[in-house]
Amino acid sequence: GGGLVQAGTSLRLSCKGSGRTFSDRTMG
């Protein structure tokens, strides 16, 4: 989801976990 954007706009980053569940962890 990263990229080049202008100031004042919005962007959404996504993070996909694989190999184990992360539902039991604090994520940062």
PDB file of all heavy atoms in Angstrom:
ATOM      1  N   GLY A   1       0.777  -1.232   0.000  1.00  0.00           N
ATOM      2  CA  GLY A   1       0.000   0.000   0.000  1.00  0.00           C
ATOM      3  C   GLY A   1       0.806   1.279   0.000  1.00  0.00           C
ATOM      4  O   GLY A   1       0.226   2.373  -0.068  1.00  0.00           O
ATOM      5  N   GLY A   2       2.110   1.168   0.094  1.00  0.00           N
ATOM      6  CA  GLY A   2       2.930   2.368   0.074  1.00  0.00           C
ATOM      7  C   GLY A   2       2.926   3.016  -1.300  1.00  0.00           C
ATOM      8  O   GLY A   2       2.436   2.443  -2.281  1.00  0.00           O
ATOM      9  N   GLY A   3       3.470   4.228  -1.367  1.00  0.00           N
ATOM     10  CA  GLY A   3       3.546   4.909  -2.646  1.00  0.00           C
ATOM     11  C   GLY A   3       3.911   6.356  -2.471  1.00  0.00           C
ATOM     12  O   GLY A   3       4.278   6.802  -1.385  1.00  0.00           O
ATOM     13  N   LEU A   4       3.781   7.082  -3.598  1.00  0.00           N
ATOM     14  CA  LEU A   4       4.065   8.518  -3.620  1.00  0.00           C
ATOM     15  C   LEU A   4       2.744   9.267  -3.640  1.00  0.00           C
ATOM     16  O   LEU A   4       1.922   9.054  -4.543  1.00  0.00           O
ATOM     17  CB  LEU A   4       4.893   8.856  -4.859  1.00  0.00           C
ATOM     18  CG  LEU A   4       5.119  10.339  -5.162  1.00  0.00           C
ATOM     19  CD1 LEU A   4       5.900  11.008  -4.041  1.00  0.00           C
ATOM     20  CD2 LEU A   4       5.810  10.503  -6.500  1.00  0.00           C
ATOM     21  N   VAL A   5       2.549  10.146  -2.648  1.00  0.00           N
ATOM     22  CA  VAL A   5       1.314  10.916  -2.564  1.00  0.00           C
ATOM     23  C   VAL A   5       1.641  12.367  -2.239  1.00  0.00           C
ATOM     24  O   VAL A   5       2.752  12.677  -1.799  1.00  0.00           O
ATOM     25  CB  VAL A   5       0.358  10.349  -1.495  1.00  0.00           C
ATOM     26  CG1 VAL A   5      -0.102   8.946  -1.846  1.00  0.00           C
ATOM     27  CG2 VAL A   5       1.014  10.378  -0.123  1.00  0.00           C
ATOM     28  N   GLN A   6       0.652  13.225  -2.441  1.00  0.00           N
ATOM     29  CA  GLN A   6       0.838  14.639  -2.111  1.00  0.00           C
ATOM     30  C   GLN A   6       0.453  14.906  -0.664  1.00  0.00           C
ATOM     31  O   GLN A   6      -0.386  14.200  -0.083  1.00  0.00           O
ATOM     32  CB  GLN A   6      -0.017  15.495  -3.026  1.00  0.00           C
ATOM     33  CG  GLN A   6       0.478  15.531  -4.474  1.00  0.00           C
ATOM     34  CD  GLN A   6      -0.274  16.546  -5.304  1.00  0.00           C
ATOM     35  OE1 GLN A   6      -1.462  16.771  -5.101  1.00  0.00           O
ATOM     36  NE2 GLN A   6       0.426  17.158  -6.254  1.00  0.00           N
ATOM     37  N   ALA A   7       1.031  15.926  -0.113  1.00  0.00           N
ATOM     38  CA  ALA A   7       0.691  16.328   1.248  1.00  0.00           C
ATOM     39  C   ALA A   7      -0.793  16.634   1.348  1.00  0.00           C
ATOM     40  O   ALA A   7      -1.391  17.185   0.421  1.00  0.00           O
ATOM     41  CB  ALA A   7       1.511  17.550   1.651  1.00  0.00           C
ATOM     42  N   GLY A   8      -1.384  16.237   2.468  1.00  0.00           N
ATOM     43  CA  GLY A   8      -2.792  16.472   2.700  1.00  0.00           C
ATOM     44  C   GLY A   8      -3.697  15.345   2.273  1.00  0.00           C
ATOM     45  O   GLY A   8      -4.880  15.339   2.616  1.00  0.00           O
ATOM     46  N   THR A   9      -3.153  14.374   1.565  1.00  0.00           N
ATOM     47  CA  THR A   9      -3.961  13.255   1.097  1.00  0.00           C
ATOM     48  C   THR A   9      -3.856  12.076   2.059  1.00  0.00           C
ATOM     49  O   THR A   9      -3.218  12.156   3.115  1.00  0.00           O
ATOM     50  CB  THR A   9      -3.539  12.827  -0.308  1.00  0.00           C
ATOM     51  OG1 THR A   9      -2.170  12.409  -0.292  1.00  0.00           O
ATOM     52  CG2 THR A   9      -3.690  13.962  -1.294  1.00  0.00           C
ATOM     53  N   SER A  10      -4.493  10.972   1.671  1.00  0.00           N
ATOM     54  CA  SER A  10      -4.552   9.791   2.537  1.00  0.00           C
ATOM     55  C   SER A  10      -3.962   8.571   1.832  1.00  0.00           C
ATOM     56  O   SER A  10      -3.867   8.525   0.608  1.00  0.00           O
ATOM     57  CB  SER A  10      -5.996   9.495   2.926  1.00  0.00           C
ATOM     58  OG  SER A  10      -6.565  10.577   3.626  1.00  0.00           O
ATOM     59  N   LEU A  11      -3.606   7.594   2.662  1.00  0.00           N
ATOM     60  CA  LEU A  11      -3.047   6.337   2.156  1.00  0.00           C
ATOM     61  C   LEU A  11      -3.339   5.270   3.194  1.00  0.00           C
ATOM     62  O   LEU A  11      -3.313   5.551   4.401  1.00  0.00           O
ATOM     63  CB  LEU A  11      -1.532   6.486   1.956  1.00  0.00           C
ATOM     64  CG  LEU A  11      -0.803   5.518   1.034  1.00  0.00           C
ATOM     65  CD1 LEU A  11      -1.325   5.633  -0.386  1.00  0.00           C
ATOM     66  CD2 LEU A  11       0.692   5.803   1.078  1.00  0.00           C
ATOM     67  N   ARG A  12      -3.614   4.078   2.744  1.00  0.00           N
ATOM     68  CA  ARG A  12      -3.826   2.971   3.678  1.00  0.00           C
ATOM     69  C   ARG A  12      -2.799   1.882   3.422  1.00  0.00           C
ATOM     70  O   ARG A  12      -2.693   1.353   2.313  1.00  0.00           O
ATOM     71  CB  ARG A  12      -5.236   2.380   3.553  1.00  0.00           C
ATOM     72  CG  ARG A  12      -5.534   1.383   4.667  1.00  0.00           C
ATOM     73  CD  ARG A  12      -6.945   0.862   4.660  1.00  0.00           C
ATOM     74  NE  ARG A  12      -7.110  -0.288   3.782  1.00  0.00           N
ATOM     75  CZ  ARG A  12      -8.022  -1.238   3.982  1.00  0.00           C
ATOM     76  NH1 ARG A  12      -8.830  -1.177   5.012  1.00  0.00           N
ATOM     77  NH2 ARG A  12      -8.127  -2.237   3.118  1.00  0.00           N
ATOM     78  N   LEU A  13      -2.090   1.550   4.478  1.00  0.00           N
ATOM     79  CA  LEU A  13      -1.139   0.445   4.427  1.00  0.00           C
ATOM     80  C   LEU A  13      -1.801  -0.817   4.951  1.00  0.00           C
ATOM     81  O   LEU A  13      -2.610  -0.769   5.880  1.00  0.00           O
ATOM     82  CB  LEU A  13       0.096   0.753   5.267  1.00  0.00           C
ATOM     83  CG  LEU A  13       0.853   2.038   4.925  1.00  0.00           C
ATOM     84  CD1 LEU A  13       2.088   2.160   5.817  1.00  0.00           C
ATOM     85  CD2 LEU A  13       1.216   2.099   3.474  1.00  0.00           C
ATOM     86  N   SER A  14      -1.436  -1.943   4.356  1.00  0.00           N
ATOM     87  CA  SER A  14      -1.937  -3.236   4.789  1.00  0.00           C
ATOM     88  C   SER A  14      -0.766  -4.128   5.164  1.00  0.00           C
ATOM     89  O   SER A  14       0.333  -3.986   4.628  1.00  0.00           O
ATOM     90  CB  SER A  14      -2.744  -3.903   3.682  1.00  0.00           C
ATOM     91  OG  SER A  14      -3.863  -3.128   3.313  1.00  0.00           O
ATOM     92  N   CYS A  15      -1.024  -5.047   6.057  1.00  0.00           N
ATOM     93  CA  CYS A  15      -0.007  -6.002   6.488  1.00  0.00           C
ATOM     94  C   CYS A  15      -0.665  -7.364   6.592  1.00  0.00           C
ATOM     95  O   CYS A  15      -1.611  -7.538   7.378  1.00  0.00           O
ATOM     96  CB  CYS A  15       0.588  -5.582   7.821  1.00  0.00           C
ATOM     97  SG  CYS A  15       1.719  -6.786   8.550  1.00  0.00           S
ATOM     98  N   LYS A  16      -0.171  -8.305   5.830  1.00  0.00           N
ATOM     99  CA  LYS A  16      -0.734  -9.654   5.806  1.00  0.00           C
ATOM    100  C   LYS A  16       0.200 -10.609   6.526  1.00  0.00           C
ATOM    101  O   LYS A  16       1.390 -10.686   6.181  1.00  0.00           O
ATOM    102  CB  LYS A  16      -0.933 -10.107   4.362  1.00  0.00           C
ATOM    103  CG  LYS A  16      -1.375 -11.551   4.197  1.00  0.00           C
ATOM    104  CD  LYS A  16      -2.768 -11.787   4.714  1.00  0.00           C
ATOM    105  CE  LYS A  16      -3.230 -13.207   4.423  1.00  0.00           C
ATOM    106  NZ  LYS A  16      -4.578 -13.482   5.010  1.00  0.00           N
ATOM    107  N   GLY A  17      -0.314 -11.334   7.487  1.00  0.00           N
ATOM    108  CA  GLY A  17       0.462 -12.336   8.178  1.00  0.00           C
ATOM    109  C   GLY A  17       0.257 -13.701   7.560  1.00  0.00           C
ATOM    110  O   GLY A  17      -0.830 -14.017   7.076  1.00  0.00           O
ATOM    111  N   SER A  18       1.301 -14.515   7.581  1.00  0.00           N
ATOM    112  CA  SER A  18       1.195 -15.879   7.084  1.00  0.00           C
ATOM    113  C   SER A  18       2.122 -16.776   7.892  1.00  0.00           C
ATOM    114  O   SER A  18       3.066 -16.310   8.539  1.00  0.00           O
ATOM    115  CB  SER A  18       1.549 -15.947   5.598  1.00  0.00           C
ATOM    116  OG  SER A  18       2.881 -15.524   5.381  1.00  0.00           O
ATOM    117  N   GLY A  19       1.852 -18.051   7.876  1.00  0.00           N
ATOM    118  CA  GLY A  19       2.684 -19.007   8.587  1.00  0.00           C
ATOM    119  C   GLY A  19       2.271 -19.263  10.019  1.00  0.00           C
ATOM    120  O   GLY A  19       2.681 -20.242  10.624  1.00  0.00           O
ATOM    121  N   ARG A  20       1.527 -18.344  10.608  1.00  0.00           N
ATOM    122  CA  ARG A  20       0.952 -18.498  11.940  1.00  0.00           C
ATOM    123  C   ARG A  20      -0.101 -17.428  12.103  1.00  0.00           C
ATOM    124  O   ARG A  20      -0.099 -16.418  11.387  1.00  0.00           O
ATOM    125  CB  ARG A  20       2.017 -18.363  13.039  1.00  0.00           C
ATOM    126  CG  ARG A  20       2.420 -16.922  13.285  1.00  0.00           C
ATOM    127  CD  ARG A  20       3.431 -16.732  14.409  1.00  0.00           C
ATOM    128  NE  ARG A  20       3.067 -17.248  15.701  1.00  0.00           N
ATOM    129  CZ  ARG A  20       2.267 -16.664  16.569  1.00  0.00           C
ATOM    130  NH1 ARG A  20       1.700 -15.515  16.270  1.00  0.00           N
ATOM    131  NH2 ARG A  20       2.022 -17.229  17.739  1.00  0.00           N
ATOM    132  N   THR A  21      -0.949 -17.588  13.071  1.00  0.00           N
ATOM    133  CA  THR A  21      -1.909 -16.552  13.377  1.00  0.00           C
ATOM    134  C   THR A  21      -1.250 -15.488  14.252  1.00  0.00           C
ATOM    135  O   THR A  21      -0.402 -15.800  15.095  1.00  0.00           O
ATOM    136  CB  THR A  21      -3.147 -17.105  14.092  1.00  0.00           C
ATOM    137  OG1 THR A  21      -4.037 -16.025  14.373  1.00  0.00           O
ATOM    138  CG2 THR A  21      -2.762 -17.793  15.395  1.00  0.00           C
ATOM    139  N   PHE A  22      -1.628 -14.242  14.058  1.00  0.00           N
ATOM    140  CA  PHE A  22      -1.157 -13.149  14.903  1.00  0.00           C
ATOM    141  C   PHE A  22      -2.273 -12.583  15.743  1.00  0.00           C
ATOM    142  O   PHE A  22      -2.151 -11.509  16.325  1.00  0.00           O
ATOM    143  CB  PHE A  22      -0.523 -12.058  14.028  1.00  0.00           C
ATOM    144  CG  PHE A  22       0.762 -12.483  13.393  1.00  0.00           C
ATOM    145  CD1 PHE A  22       0.804 -12.930  12.086  1.00  0.00           C
ATOM    146  CD2 PHE A  22       1.944 -12.459  14.117  1.00  0.00           C
ATOM    147  CE1 PHE A  22       1.980 -13.337  11.504  1.00  0.00           C
ATOM    148  CE2 PHE A  22       3.135 -12.859  13.543  1.00  0.00           C
ATOM    149  CZ  PHE A  22       3.154 -13.306  12.230  1.00  0.00           C
ATOM    150  N   SER A  23      -3.383 -13.303  15.819  1.00  0.00           N
ATOM    151  CA  SER A  23      -4.553 -12.799  16.528  1.00  0.00           C
ATOM    152  C   SER A  23      -4.324 -12.703  18.034  1.00  0.00           C
ATOM    153  O   SER A  23      -5.097 -12.047  18.730  1.00  0.00           O
ATOM    154  CB  SER A  23      -5.766 -13.689  16.247  1.00  0.00           C
ATOM    155  OG  SER A  23      -5.525 -15.012  16.697  1.00  0.00           O
ATOM    156  N   ASP A  24      -3.261 -13.329  18.517  1.00  0.00           N
ATOM    157  CA  ASP A  24      -2.970 -13.289  19.948  1.00  0.00           C
ATOM    158  C   ASP A  24      -1.885 -12.265  20.299  1.00  0.00           C
ATOM    159  O   ASP A  24      -1.464 -12.183  21.452  1.00  0.00           O
ATOM    160  CB  ASP A  24      -2.517 -14.663  20.439  1.00  0.00           C
ATOM    161  CG  ASP A  24      -1.275 -15.159  19.719  1.00  0.00           C
ATOM    162  OD1 ASP A  24      -0.967 -14.640  18.633  1.00  0.00           O
ATOM    163  OD2 ASP A  24      -0.616 -16.074  20.254  1.00  0.00           O
ATOM    164  N   ARG A  25      -1.451 -11.486  19.291  1.00  0.00           N
ATOM    165  CA  ARG A  25      -0.345 -10.573  19.497  1.00  0.00           C
ATOM    166  C   ARG A  25      -0.759  -9.115  19.356  1.00  0.00           C
ATOM    167  O   ARG A  25      -1.608  -8.777  18.518  1.00  0.00           O
ATOM    168  CB  ARG A  25       0.763 -10.831  18.470  1.00  0.00           C
ATOM    169  CG  ARG A  25       1.319 -12.236  18.491  1.00  0.00           C
ATOM    170  CD  ARG A  25       2.115 -12.490  19.749  1.00  0.00           C
ATOM    171  NE  ARG A  25       2.795 -13.791  19.694  1.00  0.00           N
ATOM    172  CZ  ARG A  25       4.059 -13.944  19.350  1.00  0.00           C
ATOM    173  NH1 ARG A  25       4.787 -12.887  19.019  1.00  0.00           N
ATOM    174  NH2 ARG A  25       4.599 -15.141  19.327  1.00  0.00           N
ATOM    175  N   THR A  26      -0.125  -8.259  20.170  1.00  0.00           N
ATOM    176  CA  THR A  26      -0.173  -6.838  19.874  1.00  0.00           C
ATOM    177  C   THR A  26       0.592  -6.608  18.570  1.00  0.00           C
ATOM    178  O   THR A  26       1.682  -7.145  18.381  1.00  0.00           O
ATOM    179  CB  THR A  26       0.464  -6.016  21.000  1.00  0.00           C
ATOM    180  OG1 THR A  26      -0.376  -6.077  22.155  1.00  0.00           O
ATOM    181  CG2 THR A  26       0.649  -4.563  20.602  1.00  0.00           C
ATOM    182  N   MET A  27       0.001  -5.840  17.696  1.00  0.00           N
ATOM    183  CA  MET A  27       0.624  -5.531  16.415  1.00  0.00           C
ATOM    184  C   MET A  27       0.984  -4.049  16.372  1.00  0.00           C
ATOM    185  O   MET A  27       0.269  -3.207  16.933  1.00  0.00           O
ATOM    186  CB  MET A  27      -0.316  -5.866  15.265  1.00  0.00           C
ATOM    187  CG  MET A  27      -0.702  -7.327  15.198  1.00  0.00           C
ATOM    188  SD  MET A  27       0.693  -8.423  14.891  1.00  0.00           S
ATOM    189  CE  MET A  27       1.134  -7.945  13.217  1.00  0.00           C
ATOM    190  N   GLY A  28       2.083  -3.754  15.690  1.00  0.00           N
ATOM    191  CA  GLY A  28       2.516  -2.374  15.627  1.00  0.00           C
ATOM    192  C   GLY A  28       2.975  -1.982  14.234  1.00  0.00           C
ATOM    193  O   GLY A  28       3.284  -2.829  13.401  1.00  0.00           O
TER     194      GLY A  28
END
